[in-house]
Amino acid sequence: MRLTLEPLDVERDLTLLHTWVTHPRSVYWEMQGATTVEVAREYAAIAADPHHHAWLGRADGEPEFLVETYDPRHGPLAGLPEITEGDLGMHVLVAPPKTHRAGFTTAVFAAVMDFCFADASVKRVVVEPDVRNGKIASLNAAAGFVVAREVDLHHKTAALSFCTRSAHAAARMGATA
């Protein structure tokens, strides 16, 4: 299976994007009930932000996942003492599956981590998932993330977590990527 990432084209990908981010499985994306216009507005704002980027992920050419990367020194994590130059924030959403594919989400996550670390200036990947999201916590641990602490981001309590290159390489997921 070939996994690729390309810049999200909000106009081209809006219908698909809306379906993904409003799906019941995507509750932690906090866009449940959002209209197509609201999703378009949110991703147009990301496209206009020089510190935040959205990527469409494809599996063998078919759109299957969404990735956001961001500079955590700008936005909700700005000012936290743990955030340093060389950190890259990341969010990933795997589309609701049409059919079950064993290991698919793990393969996507590993590809996203490889994508993040492909930039030599990235020293650590940062995530801040909702502490209630057990599925992503398991994936994060498998990728080599370590929870630093819980932080209040007003709309959620987040598990501020970091993954270094060496931690990812030594992790179960990194070892198979």
Foldseek 3Di string as FASTA:
>chain_A
DDKDKDFDDCVVCLVVQVLFCQDPVNVQSVCNPPDSVRSSVVQVVQVVDPFKTKIFMDDVRHGWKIKMKGQLCDPLNNPPPVRDFQEIEMDMTTGDDPDDDPCPVLVVLLVVVCVQVVPVSRFKYKYWTAPVPPVVVVSCVQQQKDFPAWDCSPVGTTRIIIHGPVSRCPGNSNVVD
